[in-house]
């Protein structure tokens, strides 16, 4: 059975090249999920003046985390094709489904707020007091903290078996660490209550998954990078 398409065809920048058939978008479906699940997503009601602005932390987090999540979905489906290990495949599927659904909420909010899905200020500009403010890339060339580089994604796509499992778990541990940093910032800076709660849930969920991945790496004679 072919895996469902979990990315969108809108104007959210794609963090990596389309390396797998599933990486073709279905943004209308994901945006609808966000709108239906969290229809009222404004700090003080339906008045337009209560809606977040394009420069707000709410909008910045929604834009950037949508891109961040997109890569986690891609990495997770790559490893499912590179190993037969059921524990890794199950974890990868759970991560892909969770982050695809959350991404749908984030994109749905941007549509609800009538805000663009890209920013001329680059990634991370919304994070007050953070070293990544206004930077397009991090030192290793990735778009945002924790994101894998094009070379690392290519390496995962060529690996198999235990090698692929270890690399995936290491990449996703880094990815989650970056995601937790971003989500914690939104939990502190965002004004929309629903988005703050989602961000806090990301912090808790991804920390739990990092503990699980550390155990899985140990079982394979390895450790986070």
N, C-alpha and C. Protein backbone atom coordinates (compact mmCIF):
# COMPACT_ATOMS: atom_id res chain seq x y z
N UNK A 1 0.85 -1.21 0.00
CA UNK A 1 0.00 0.00 0.00
C UNK A 1 0.87 1.24 0.00
N UNK A 2 0.60 2.15 -0.89
CA UNK A 2 1.41 3.36 -1.00
C UNK A 2 1.15 4.28 0.18
N UNK A 3 2.25 4.84 0.77
CA UNK A 3 2.10 5.76 1.88
C UNK A 3 1.39 7.04 1.42
N UNK A 4 0.59 7.66 2.26
CA UNK A 4 -0.12 8.87 1.87
C UNK A 4 0.82 10.04 1.69
N UNK A 5 0.48 10.94 0.76
CA UNK A 5 1.23 12.17 0.61
C UNK A 5 1.00 13.05 1.81
N UNK A 6 2.08 13.57 2.42
CA UNK A 6 1.93 14.31 3.66
C UNK A 6 2.50 15.71 3.59
N UNK A 7 2.95 16.15 2.44
CA UNK A 7 3.45 17.50 2.31
C UNK A 7 2.48 18.30 1.47
N UNK A 8 2.74 19.61 1.32
CA UNK A 8 1.76 20.43 0.62
C UNK A 8 2.33 21.02 -0.65
N UNK A 9 1.44 21.53 -1.48
CA UNK A 9 1.84 22.10 -2.76
C UNK A 9 1.79 23.61 -2.72
N UNK A 10 1.70 24.18 -1.53
CA UNK A 10 1.63 25.63 -1.38
C UNK A 10 2.99 26.28 -1.44
N UNK A 11 3.08 27.46 -0.82
CA UNK A 11 4.30 28.23 -0.96
C UNK A 11 5.21 28.12 0.24
N UNK A 12 5.05 27.04 1.05
CA UNK A 12 6.01 26.79 2.11
C UNK A 12 7.27 26.25 1.48
N UNK A 13 8.45 26.78 1.80
CA UNK A 13 9.69 26.31 1.20
C UNK A 13 9.96 24.87 1.58
N UNK A 14 10.40 24.06 0.62
CA UNK A 14 10.74 22.68 0.87
C UNK A 14 12.18 22.62 1.34
N UNK A 15 12.46 22.03 2.52
CA UNK A 15 13.79 22.06 3.06
C UNK A 15 14.77 21.18 2.33
N UNK A 16 14.32 20.18 1.61
CA UNK A 16 15.20 19.31 0.87
C UNK A 16 14.56 19.00 -0.46
N UNK A 17 15.34 18.39 -1.34
CA UNK A 17 14.80 18.01 -2.63
C UNK A 17 13.81 16.88 -2.46
N UNK A 18 12.95 16.68 -3.44
CA UNK A 18 11.93 15.63 -3.36
C UNK A 18 12.61 14.29 -3.59
N UNK A 19 12.92 13.60 -2.51
CA UNK A 19 13.67 12.37 -2.59
C UNK A 19 12.77 11.14 -2.58
N UNK A 20 11.48 11.30 -2.25
CA UNK A 20 10.60 10.14 -2.17
C UNK A 20 9.28 10.48 -2.82
N UNK A 21 8.58 9.48 -3.40
CA UNK A 21 7.33 9.74 -4.11
C UNK A 21 6.27 10.39 -3.24
N UNK A 22 6.28 10.09 -1.93
CA UNK A 22 5.25 10.64 -1.05
C UNK A 22 5.43 12.13 -0.81
N UNK A 23 6.63 12.66 -1.13
CA UNK A 23 6.92 14.05 -0.78
C UNK A 23 6.32 15.02 -1.78
N UNK A 24 5.10 14.78 -2.18
CA UNK A 24 4.37 15.70 -3.05
C UNK A 24 3.14 16.13 -2.26
N UNK A 25 2.70 17.22 -2.27
CA UNK A 25 1.87 17.84 -1.27
C UNK A 25 0.39 17.65 -1.39
N UNK A 26 -0.23 17.90 -0.22
CA UNK A 26 -1.68 17.90 -0.13
C UNK A 26 -2.09 18.95 0.87
N UNK A 27 -1.70 20.16 0.61
CA UNK A 27 -1.86 21.24 1.60
C UNK A 27 -3.28 21.54 1.94
N UNK A 28 -4.17 21.42 1.00
CA UNK A 28 -5.57 21.74 1.31
C UNK A 28 -6.10 20.82 2.40
N UNK A 29 -5.72 19.54 2.34
CA UNK A 29 -6.18 18.58 3.34
C UNK A 29 -5.60 18.92 4.70
N UNK A 30 -4.29 19.19 4.76
CA UNK A 30 -3.65 19.48 6.04
C UNK A 30 -4.14 20.80 6.61
N UNK A 31 -4.31 21.80 5.76
CA UNK A 31 -4.82 23.08 6.24
C UNK A 31 -6.24 22.91 6.78
N UNK A 32 -7.04 22.08 6.11
CA UNK A 32 -8.40 21.85 6.59
C UNK A 32 -8.40 21.18 7.95
N UNK A 33 -7.45 20.27 8.18
CA UNK A 33 -7.34 19.64 9.49
C UNK A 33 -7.11 20.68 10.56
N UNK A 34 -6.21 21.63 10.27
CA UNK A 34 -5.94 22.67 11.24
C UNK A 34 -7.15 23.55 11.49
N UNK A 35 -7.85 23.90 10.43
CA UNK A 35 -9.00 24.78 10.57
C UNK A 35 -10.14 24.10 11.32
N UNK A 36 -10.37 22.83 11.02
CA UNK A 36 -11.47 22.12 11.67
C UNK A 36 -11.17 21.82 13.13
N UNK A 37 -9.90 21.47 13.41
CA UNK A 37 -9.54 21.07 14.77
C UNK A 37 -9.42 22.26 15.71
N UNK A 38 -8.91 23.39 15.18
CA UNK A 38 -8.63 24.55 16.02
C UNK A 38 -9.17 25.81 15.34
N UNK A 39 -10.47 25.82 15.06
CA UNK A 39 -11.05 26.89 14.25
C UNK A 39 -10.87 28.25 14.88
N UNK A 40 -11.07 28.37 16.18
CA UNK A 40 -10.93 29.66 16.84
C UNK A 40 -9.51 29.77 17.35
N UNK A 41 -8.66 30.46 16.61
CA UNK A 41 -7.24 30.55 16.96
C UNK A 41 -6.78 32.00 16.93
N UNK A 42 -7.43 32.83 17.70
CA UNK A 42 -7.04 34.22 17.83
C UNK A 42 -7.03 34.59 19.30
N UNK A 43 -6.14 35.48 19.74
CA UNK A 43 -6.02 35.79 21.15
C UNK A 43 -7.30 36.28 21.80
N UNK A 44 -8.09 37.10 21.07
CA UNK A 44 -9.22 37.71 21.75
C UNK A 44 -10.53 37.58 21.03
N UNK A 45 -10.64 36.71 20.04
CA UNK A 45 -11.91 36.55 19.37
C UNK A 45 -11.78 36.62 17.87
N UNK A 46 -12.87 37.01 17.21
CA UNK A 46 -12.90 36.99 15.75
C UNK A 46 -12.51 38.31 15.11
N UNK A 47 -12.36 39.35 15.90
CA UNK A 47 -12.00 40.66 15.35
C UNK A 47 -10.64 40.60 14.68
N UNK A 48 -10.54 41.19 13.50
CA UNK A 48 -9.28 41.15 12.74
C UNK A 48 -8.13 41.76 13.52
N UNK A 49 -8.44 42.73 14.38
CA UNK A 49 -7.38 43.37 15.16
C UNK A 49 -6.75 42.43 16.16
N UNK A 50 -7.43 41.33 16.48
CA UNK A 50 -6.91 40.35 17.42
C UNK A 50 -6.03 39.30 16.74
N UNK A 51 -6.04 39.27 15.42
CA UNK A 51 -5.28 38.27 14.71
C UNK A 51 -3.78 38.58 14.76
N UNK A 52 -2.93 37.56 14.80
CA UNK A 52 -1.48 37.79 14.78
C UNK A 52 -1.05 38.49 13.50
N UNK A 53 0.02 39.25 13.60
CA UNK A 53 0.59 39.90 12.42
C UNK A 53 1.66 39.00 11.81
N UNK A 54 2.10 39.35 10.60
CA UNK A 54 3.10 38.55 9.92
C UNK A 54 4.42 38.49 10.67
N UNK A 55 4.71 39.55 11.45
CA UNK A 55 5.97 39.62 12.18
C UNK A 55 5.88 39.03 13.58
N UNK A 56 4.72 38.52 13.96
CA UNK A 56 4.53 38.02 15.32
C UNK A 56 5.22 36.68 15.53
N UNK A 57 5.43 36.35 16.80
CA UNK A 57 5.97 35.04 17.13
C UNK A 57 5.01 33.94 16.72
N UNK A 58 3.71 34.20 16.82
CA UNK A 58 2.71 33.20 16.43
C UNK A 58 2.87 32.81 14.97
N UNK A 59 2.97 33.80 14.10
CA UNK A 59 3.11 33.53 12.67
C UNK A 59 4.48 32.94 12.36
N UNK A 60 5.52 33.48 12.99
CA UNK A 60 6.87 32.98 12.74
C UNK A 60 7.02 31.53 13.12
N UNK A 61 6.50 31.18 14.28
CA UNK A 61 6.58 29.78 14.71
C UNK A 61 5.79 28.88 13.77
N UNK A 62 4.60 29.29 13.39
CA UNK A 62 3.79 28.48 12.48
C UNK A 62 4.50 28.25 11.16
N UNK A 63 5.10 29.31 10.60
CA UNK A 63 5.82 29.18 9.33
C UNK A 63 7.02 28.24 9.47
N UNK A 64 7.86 28.53 10.48
CA UNK A 64 9.12 27.80 10.59
C UNK A 64 8.91 26.36 11.03
N UNK A 65 7.99 26.14 11.96
CA UNK A 65 7.79 24.77 12.42
C UNK A 65 7.12 23.91 11.35
N UNK A 66 6.35 24.52 10.48
CA UNK A 66 5.78 23.76 9.36
C UNK A 66 6.89 23.19 8.48
N UNK A 67 7.91 24.00 8.23
CA UNK A 67 9.06 23.55 7.44
C UNK A 67 9.86 22.51 8.22
N UNK A 68 10.09 22.79 9.50
CA UNK A 68 10.85 21.88 10.36
C UNK A 68 10.17 20.51 10.40
N UNK A 69 8.86 20.49 10.61
CA UNK A 69 8.11 19.24 10.66
C UNK A 69 8.15 18.50 9.32
N UNK A 70 8.12 19.25 8.23
CA UNK A 70 8.12 18.62 6.91
C UNK A 70 9.34 17.73 6.74
N UNK A 71 10.49 18.20 7.24
CA UNK A 71 11.69 17.38 7.09
C UNK A 71 11.63 16.13 7.95
N UNK A 72 11.07 16.23 9.16
CA UNK A 72 10.95 15.05 10.02
C UNK A 72 10.08 13.99 9.34
N UNK A 73 9.02 14.42 8.68
CA UNK A 73 8.16 13.50 7.95
C UNK A 73 8.96 12.82 6.83
N UNK A 74 9.75 13.61 6.12
CA UNK A 74 10.55 13.05 5.02
C UNK A 74 11.56 12.03 5.53
N UNK A 75 12.30 12.38 6.56
CA UNK A 75 13.30 11.47 7.13
C UNK A 75 12.65 10.17 7.60
N UNK A 76 11.48 10.30 8.19
CA UNK A 76 10.79 9.12 8.74
C UNK A 76 10.34 8.17 7.64
N UNK A 77 9.87 8.69 6.53
CA UNK A 77 9.48 7.80 5.45
C UNK A 77 10.67 7.23 4.70
N UNK A 78 11.77 7.95 4.68
CA UNK A 78 12.98 7.39 4.07
C UNK A 78 13.43 6.16 4.84
N UNK A 79 13.51 6.27 6.18
CA UNK A 79 14.03 5.13 6.96
C UNK A 79 13.09 3.94 6.90
N UNK A 80 11.80 4.16 6.74
CA UNK A 80 10.87 3.03 6.63
C UNK A 80 11.15 2.19 5.39
N UNK A 81 11.78 2.78 4.40
CA UNK A 81 12.16 2.04 3.19
C UNK A 81 13.57 1.45 3.29
N UNK A 82 14.31 1.80 4.37
CA UNK A 82 15.70 1.40 4.45
C UNK A 82 15.97 0.35 5.54
N UNK A 83 14.93 -0.04 6.29
CA UNK A 83 15.11 -1.05 7.32
C UNK A 83 13.85 -1.89 7.47
N UNK A 84 14.04 -3.11 7.97
CA UNK A 84 12.91 -3.99 8.27
C UNK A 84 12.63 -4.04 9.77
N UNK A 85 13.40 -3.30 10.55
CA UNK A 85 13.22 -3.32 12.00
C UNK A 85 11.87 -2.70 12.37
N UNK A 86 11.03 -3.49 13.01
CA UNK A 86 9.66 -3.03 13.30
C UNK A 86 9.62 -1.91 14.32
N UNK A 87 10.53 -1.91 15.29
CA UNK A 87 10.53 -0.85 16.29
C UNK A 87 10.85 0.50 15.66
N UNK A 88 11.86 0.53 14.79
CA UNK A 88 12.24 1.77 14.12
C UNK A 88 11.15 2.20 13.15
N UNK A 89 10.60 1.25 12.41
CA UNK A 89 9.55 1.58 11.46
C UNK A 89 8.31 2.13 12.16
N UNK A 90 7.97 1.54 13.32
CA UNK A 90 6.81 2.01 14.07
C UNK A 90 7.03 3.41 14.62
N UNK A 91 8.23 3.66 15.16
CA UNK A 91 8.56 4.99 15.66
C UNK A 91 8.51 6.01 14.53
N UNK A 92 9.11 5.65 13.39
CA UNK A 92 9.14 6.57 12.25
C UNK A 92 7.74 6.90 11.77
N UNK A 93 6.88 5.90 11.73
CA UNK A 93 5.50 6.15 11.29
C UNK A 93 4.76 7.05 12.27
N UNK A 94 4.96 6.80 13.56
CA UNK A 94 4.30 7.64 14.58
C UNK A 94 4.76 9.08 14.48
N UNK A 95 6.06 9.29 14.31
CA UNK A 95 6.59 10.65 14.18
C UNK A 95 6.04 11.32 12.94
N UNK A 96 6.02 10.58 11.83
CA UNK A 96 5.52 11.16 10.58
C UNK A 96 4.06 11.58 10.71
N UNK A 97 3.24 10.71 11.31
CA UNK A 97 1.83 11.03 11.43
C UNK A 97 1.59 12.20 12.38
N UNK A 98 2.28 12.20 13.52
CA UNK A 98 2.11 13.27 14.49
C UNK A 98 2.52 14.61 13.91
N UNK A 99 3.69 14.64 13.27
CA UNK A 99 4.19 15.92 12.79
C UNK A 99 3.45 16.38 11.54
N UNK A 100 2.94 15.47 10.74
CA UNK A 100 2.13 15.87 9.59
C UNK A 100 0.82 16.51 10.07
N UNK A 101 0.22 15.93 11.11
CA UNK A 101 -1.03 16.49 11.64
C UNK A 101 -0.80 17.86 12.27
N UNK A 102 0.28 17.98 13.03
CA UNK A 102 0.60 19.28 13.63
C UNK A 102 0.91 20.31 12.55
N UNK A 103 1.58 19.89 11.51
CA UNK A 103 1.88 20.79 10.40
C UNK A 103 0.59 21.29 9.75
N UNK A 104 -0.39 20.42 9.65
CA UNK A 104 -1.68 20.84 9.10
C UNK A 104 -2.31 21.93 9.94
N UNK A 105 -2.22 21.82 11.27
CA UNK A 105 -2.74 22.86 12.14
C UNK A 105 -2.01 24.18 11.91
N UNK A 106 -0.70 24.12 11.85
CA UNK A 106 0.10 25.34 11.68
C UNK A 106 -0.23 26.04 10.36
N UNK A 107 -0.32 25.28 9.28
CA UNK A 107 -0.66 25.87 7.99
C UNK A 107 -2.10 26.38 7.99
N UNK A 108 -2.98 25.65 8.67
CA UNK A 108 -4.37 26.09 8.76
C UNK A 108 -4.50 27.40 9.49
N UNK A 109 -3.72 27.59 10.55
CA UNK A 109 -3.76 28.87 11.27
C UNK A 109 -3.29 30.01 10.40
N UNK A 110 -2.22 29.79 9.64
CA UNK A 110 -1.73 30.85 8.75
C UNK A 110 -2.81 31.24 7.74
N UNK A 111 -3.52 30.25 7.22
CA UNK A 111 -4.63 30.54 6.31
C UNK A 111 -5.74 31.30 7.03
N UNK A 112 -6.07 30.87 8.24
CA UNK A 112 -7.11 31.52 9.01
C UNK A 112 -6.76 32.97 9.29
N UNK A 113 -5.48 33.22 9.55
CA UNK A 113 -5.02 34.58 9.84
C UNK A 113 -4.73 35.39 8.57
N UNK A 114 -4.90 34.77 7.40
CA UNK A 114 -4.61 35.42 6.11
C UNK A 114 -3.17 35.93 6.05
N UNK A 115 -2.24 35.08 6.50
CA UNK A 115 -0.83 35.45 6.54
C UNK A 115 -0.03 34.57 5.58
N UNK A 116 1.06 35.12 5.03
CA UNK A 116 1.89 34.34 4.09
C UNK A 116 2.62 33.21 4.79
N UNK A 117 2.97 32.20 4.04
CA UNK A 117 3.68 31.04 4.58
C UNK A 117 5.18 31.17 4.45
N UNK A 118 5.65 32.29 3.94
CA UNK A 118 7.09 32.57 3.87
C UNK A 118 7.34 33.97 4.41
N UNK A 119 8.59 34.25 4.76
CA UNK A 119 8.95 35.56 5.29
C UNK A 119 10.25 36.04 4.66
N UNK A 120 10.28 37.30 4.28
CA UNK A 120 11.50 37.88 3.72
C UNK A 120 12.60 38.00 4.76
N UNK A 121 12.24 37.91 6.03
CA UNK A 121 13.23 38.02 7.11
C UNK A 121 14.00 36.74 7.34
N UNK A 122 13.63 35.69 6.65
CA UNK A 122 14.32 34.41 6.84
C UNK A 122 13.78 33.66 8.04
N UNK A 123 14.39 32.51 8.31
CA UNK A 123 13.94 31.67 9.41
C UNK A 123 14.42 32.21 10.76
N UNK A 124 13.64 31.94 11.78
CA UNK A 124 14.00 32.19 13.17
C UNK A 124 14.00 33.66 13.59
N UNK A 125 13.58 34.55 12.72
CA UNK A 125 13.61 35.97 13.06
C UNK A 125 12.65 36.30 14.19
N UNK A 126 11.66 35.46 14.42
CA UNK A 126 10.65 35.71 15.45
C UNK A 126 11.14 35.39 16.85
N UNK A 127 12.24 34.65 16.97
CA UNK A 127 12.72 34.22 18.28
C UNK A 127 13.50 35.32 18.97
N UNK A 128 12.89 35.99 19.91
CA UNK A 128 13.51 37.11 20.60
C UNK A 128 14.72 36.65 21.41
N UNK A 129 15.81 37.39 21.22
CA UNK A 129 17.01 37.11 22.00
C UNK A 129 17.70 35.82 21.63
N UNK A 130 17.39 35.28 20.47
CA UNK A 130 18.00 34.02 20.05
C UNK A 130 19.08 34.27 19.02
N UNK A 131 20.13 33.46 19.07
CA UNK A 131 21.26 33.65 18.16
C UNK A 131 20.93 33.40 16.71
N UNK A 132 19.75 32.78 16.45
CA UNK A 132 19.39 32.48 15.06
C UNK A 132 18.53 33.56 14.44
N UNK A 133 18.31 34.66 15.14
CA UNK A 133 17.41 35.67 14.62
C UNK A 133 17.84 36.20 13.26
N UNK A 134 16.93 36.08 12.29
CA UNK A 134 17.17 36.64 10.98
C UNK A 134 18.14 35.85 10.13
N UNK A 135 18.63 34.71 10.58
CA UNK A 135 19.59 33.93 9.82
C UNK A 135 18.86 32.94 8.92
N UNK A 136 19.32 32.81 7.71
CA UNK A 136 18.71 31.86 6.78
C UNK A 136 19.15 30.43 7.09
N UNK A 137 20.40 30.26 7.53
CA UNK A 137 20.91 28.91 7.76
C UNK A 137 21.71 28.88 9.05
N UNK A 138 21.93 27.68 9.57
CA UNK A 138 22.78 27.51 10.73
C UNK A 138 24.20 27.24 10.26
N UNK A 139 25.10 27.05 11.20
CA UNK A 139 26.51 26.89 10.84
C UNK A 139 26.77 25.66 9.99
N UNK A 140 25.98 24.59 10.16
CA UNK A 140 26.23 23.38 9.37
C UNK A 140 25.51 23.43 8.02
N UNK A 141 24.87 24.57 7.72
CA UNK A 141 24.23 24.72 6.42
C UNK A 141 22.77 24.32 6.41
N UNK A 142 22.22 23.88 7.53
CA UNK A 142 20.81 23.52 7.58
C UNK A 142 19.96 24.77 7.73
N UNK A 143 18.67 24.64 7.45
CA UNK A 143 17.79 25.80 7.47
C UNK A 143 17.54 26.32 8.87
N UNK A 144 17.38 25.41 9.83
CA UNK A 144 17.04 25.77 11.20
C UNK A 144 17.69 24.80 12.16
N UNK A 145 17.73 25.12 13.46
CA UNK A 145 18.38 24.23 14.43
C UNK A 145 17.85 22.81 14.36
N UNK A 146 18.78 21.86 14.34
CA UNK A 146 18.42 20.46 14.36
C UNK A 146 18.11 19.85 13.02
N UNK A 147 17.91 20.65 12.00
CA UNK A 147 17.55 20.09 10.70
C UNK A 147 18.75 19.44 10.03
N UNK A 148 18.48 18.35 9.36
CA UNK A 148 19.53 17.64 8.63
C UNK A 148 19.91 18.39 7.37
N UNK A 149 21.15 18.25 6.96
CA UNK A 149 21.62 18.85 5.73
C UNK A 149 21.24 17.96 4.54
N UNK A 150 21.35 18.51 3.35
CA UNK A 150 21.09 17.72 2.14
C UNK A 150 21.99 16.50 2.09
N UNK A 151 23.26 16.68 2.48
CA UNK A 151 24.20 15.56 2.46
C UNK A 151 23.78 14.46 3.44
N UNK A 152 23.30 14.85 4.61
CA UNK A 152 22.88 13.86 5.60
C UNK A 152 21.65 13.10 5.13
N UNK A 153 20.73 13.79 4.48
CA UNK A 153 19.54 13.12 3.96
C UNK A 153 19.95 12.14 2.85
N UNK A 154 20.89 12.54 2.02
CA UNK A 154 21.39 11.65 0.99
C UNK A 154 22.06 10.42 1.58
N UNK A 155 22.79 10.62 2.66
CA UNK A 155 23.45 9.50 3.33
C UNK A 155 22.41 8.51 3.88
N UNK A 156 21.33 9.04 4.48
CA UNK A 156 20.28 8.17 5.00
C UNK A 156 19.62 7.38 3.88
N UNK A 157 19.42 8.04 2.74
CA UNK A 157 18.78 7.38 1.62
C UNK A 157 19.60 6.26 1.01
N UNK A 158 20.91 6.26 1.28
CA UNK A 158 21.80 5.22 0.74
C UNK A 158 22.09 4.13 1.76
N UNK A 159 21.87 4.43 3.04
CA UNK A 159 22.15 3.46 4.10
C UNK A 159 21.06 2.39 4.15
N UNK A 160 21.33 1.33 4.87
CA UNK A 160 20.33 0.28 5.04
C UNK A 160 20.57 -0.45 6.35
N UNK A 161 19.54 -1.14 6.81
CA UNK A 161 19.67 -1.95 8.00
C UNK A 161 20.06 -1.15 9.23
N UNK A 162 20.95 -1.71 10.03
CA UNK A 162 21.37 -1.10 11.29
C UNK A 162 21.99 0.28 11.07
N UNK A 163 22.75 0.43 9.98
CA UNK A 163 23.38 1.72 9.69
C UNK A 163 22.31 2.80 9.49
N UNK A 164 21.28 2.47 8.75
CA UNK A 164 20.19 3.43 8.52
C UNK A 164 19.45 3.72 9.82
N UNK A 165 19.22 2.70 10.63
CA UNK A 165 18.52 2.89 11.90
C UNK A 165 19.27 3.86 12.81
N UNK A 166 20.58 3.66 12.95
CA UNK A 166 21.39 4.52 13.82
C UNK A 166 21.41 5.94 13.30
N UNK A 167 21.62 6.10 11.99
CA UNK A 167 21.68 7.44 11.43
C UNK A 167 20.35 8.16 11.60
N UNK A 168 19.26 7.45 11.35
CA UNK A 168 17.94 8.06 11.52
C UNK A 168 17.72 8.51 12.96
N UNK A 169 18.01 7.64 13.91
CA UNK A 169 17.81 7.97 15.32
C UNK A 169 18.67 9.15 15.75
N UNK A 170 19.88 9.23 15.21
CA UNK A 170 20.75 10.37 15.53
C UNK A 170 20.24 11.65 14.89
N UNK A 171 19.83 11.57 13.63
CA UNK A 171 19.31 12.75 12.95
C UNK A 171 18.03 13.25 13.61
N UNK A 172 17.14 12.33 13.98
CA UNK A 172 15.88 12.74 14.60
C UNK A 172 16.09 13.25 16.03
N UNK A 173 17.09 12.75 16.73
CA UNK A 173 17.41 13.30 18.04
C UNK A 173 17.84 14.75 17.90
N UNK A 174 18.74 15.03 16.95
CA UNK A 174 19.16 16.41 16.69
C UNK A 174 17.96 17.26 16.28
N UNK A 175 17.13 16.69 15.41
CA UNK A 175 15.95 17.39 14.90
C UNK A 175 15.01 17.77 16.04
N UNK A 176 14.77 16.82 16.93
CA UNK A 176 13.89 17.07 18.07
C UNK A 176 14.48 18.13 19.01
N UNK A 177 15.79 18.09 19.20
CA UNK A 177 16.42 19.09 20.06
C UNK A 177 16.18 20.50 19.53
N UNK A 178 16.34 20.66 18.22
CA UNK A 178 16.05 21.95 17.61
C UNK A 178 14.58 22.31 17.70
N UNK A 179 13.72 21.32 17.49
CA UNK A 179 12.29 21.56 17.58
C UNK A 179 11.85 21.96 18.98
N UNK A 180 12.45 21.34 19.99
CA UNK A 180 12.12 21.69 21.37
C UNK A 180 12.50 23.13 21.67
N UNK A 181 13.67 23.55 21.18
CA UNK A 181 14.10 24.94 21.37
C UNK A 181 13.09 25.91 20.77
N UNK A 182 12.63 25.62 19.56
CA UNK A 182 11.66 26.47 18.90
C UNK A 182 10.31 26.45 19.60
N UNK A 183 9.85 25.25 19.99
CA UNK A 183 8.55 25.13 20.63
C UNK A 183 8.54 25.80 22.00
N UNK A 184 9.65 25.68 22.74
CA UNK A 184 9.73 26.34 24.03
C UNK A 184 9.64 27.85 23.87
N UNK A 185 10.28 28.38 22.83
CA UNK A 185 10.22 29.82 22.58
C UNK A 185 8.79 30.27 22.28
N UNK A 186 8.06 29.46 21.49
CA UNK A 186 6.67 29.81 21.20
C UNK A 186 5.81 29.74 22.46
N UNK A 187 6.05 28.74 23.30
CA UNK A 187 5.28 28.62 24.53
C UNK A 187 5.45 29.85 25.42
N UNK A 188 6.60 30.52 25.27
CA UNK A 188 6.88 31.73 26.06
C UNK A 188 6.43 33.00 25.35
N UNK A 189 6.51 33.02 24.00
CA UNK A 189 6.33 34.26 23.26
C UNK A 189 5.01 34.36 22.51
N UNK A 190 4.44 33.25 22.08
CA UNK A 190 3.22 33.29 21.28
C UNK A 190 2.05 33.78 22.13
N UNK A 191 1.08 34.42 21.49
CA UNK A 191 -0.06 34.98 22.19
C UNK A 191 -1.34 34.16 22.01
N UNK A 192 -1.41 33.37 20.96
CA UNK A 192 -2.61 32.56 20.72
C UNK A 192 -2.59 31.36 21.67
N UNK A 193 -3.57 31.23 22.54
CA UNK A 193 -3.55 30.15 23.55
C UNK A 193 -3.43 28.76 22.94
N UNK A 194 -4.16 28.51 21.84
CA UNK A 194 -4.11 27.19 21.22
C UNK A 194 -2.71 26.87 20.72
N UNK A 195 -2.04 27.87 20.19
CA UNK A 195 -0.70 27.64 19.66
C UNK A 195 0.30 27.42 20.78
N UNK A 196 0.14 28.16 21.87
CA UNK A 196 1.02 27.94 23.03
C UNK A 196 0.85 26.52 23.56
N UNK A 197 -0.40 26.06 23.64
CA UNK A 197 -0.63 24.71 24.14
C UNK A 197 -0.04 23.66 23.20
N UNK A 198 -0.19 23.88 21.90
CA UNK A 198 0.39 22.96 20.94
C UNK A 198 1.91 22.93 21.10
N UNK A 199 2.53 24.10 21.24
CA UNK A 199 3.98 24.19 21.39
C UNK A 199 4.44 23.45 22.65
N UNK A 200 3.73 23.63 23.76
CA UNK A 200 4.11 22.95 24.99
C UNK A 200 3.96 21.44 24.83
N UNK A 201 2.93 21.02 24.12
CA UNK A 201 2.76 19.60 23.85
C UNK A 201 3.90 19.05 23.01
N UNK A 202 4.41 19.85 22.06
CA UNK A 202 5.56 19.44 21.26
C UNK A 202 6.78 19.24 22.15
N UNK A 203 7.00 20.16 23.08
CA UNK A 203 8.15 20.05 23.98
C UNK A 203 8.08 18.73 24.75
N UNK A 204 6.94 18.44 25.33
CA UNK A 204 6.79 17.23 26.13
C UNK A 204 6.90 15.97 25.28
N UNK A 205 6.22 15.98 24.13
CA UNK A 205 6.22 14.81 23.27
C UNK A 205 7.59 14.50 22.68
N UNK A 206 8.29 15.53 22.23
CA UNK A 206 9.58 15.29 21.60
C UNK A 206 10.65 14.94 22.63
N UNK A 207 10.56 15.47 23.84
CA UNK A 207 11.48 15.05 24.89
C UNK A 207 11.30 13.57 25.19
N UNK A 208 10.06 13.12 25.25
CA UNK A 208 9.80 11.71 25.50
C UNK A 208 10.35 10.84 24.39
N UNK A 209 10.19 11.29 23.14
CA UNK A 209 10.72 10.53 22.01
C UNK A 209 12.24 10.53 22.01
N UNK A 210 12.87 11.60 22.46
CA UNK A 210 14.33 11.62 22.54
C UNK A 210 14.84 10.60 23.55
N UNK A 211 14.14 10.44 24.66
CA UNK A 211 14.53 9.42 25.64
C UNK A 211 14.41 8.03 25.03
N UNK A 212 13.33 7.80 24.30
CA UNK A 212 13.15 6.51 23.63
C UNK A 212 14.24 6.27 22.60
N UNK A 213 14.57 7.28 21.82
CA UNK A 213 15.59 7.12 20.78
C UNK A 213 16.97 6.89 21.39
N UNK A 214 17.25 7.50 22.54
CA UNK A 214 18.53 7.25 23.22
C UNK A 214 18.63 5.78 23.63
N UNK A 215 17.53 5.21 24.12
CA UNK A 215 17.52 3.79 24.48
C UNK A 215 17.70 2.91 23.25
N UNK A 216 17.06 3.29 22.15
CA UNK A 216 17.17 2.50 20.92
C UNK A 216 18.58 2.57 20.35
N UNK A 217 19.22 3.71 20.46
CA UNK A 217 20.61 3.83 20.01
C UNK A 217 21.52 2.97 20.88
N UNK A 218 21.29 2.97 22.18
CA UNK A 218 22.10 2.17 23.10
C UNK A 218 21.98 0.69 22.77
N UNK A 219 20.78 0.26 22.42
CA UNK A 219 20.56 -1.13 22.03
C UNK A 219 21.35 -1.49 20.78
N UNK A 220 21.67 -0.51 19.97
CA UNK A 220 22.40 -0.73 18.73
C UNK A 220 23.87 -0.37 18.86
N UNK A 221 24.34 -0.20 20.10
CA UNK A 221 25.74 0.07 20.35
C UNK A 221 26.16 1.46 19.95
N UNK A 222 25.23 2.41 19.96
CA UNK A 222 25.56 3.76 19.54
C UNK A 222 24.96 4.74 20.55
N UNK A 223 25.01 6.02 20.21
CA UNK A 223 24.51 7.08 21.11
C UNK A 223 24.21 8.30 20.28
N UNK A 224 23.43 9.26 20.85
CA UNK A 224 23.21 10.53 20.13
C UNK A 224 24.54 11.18 19.80
N UNK A 225 24.56 11.98 18.76
CA UNK A 225 25.81 12.62 18.32
C UNK A 225 26.19 13.78 19.23
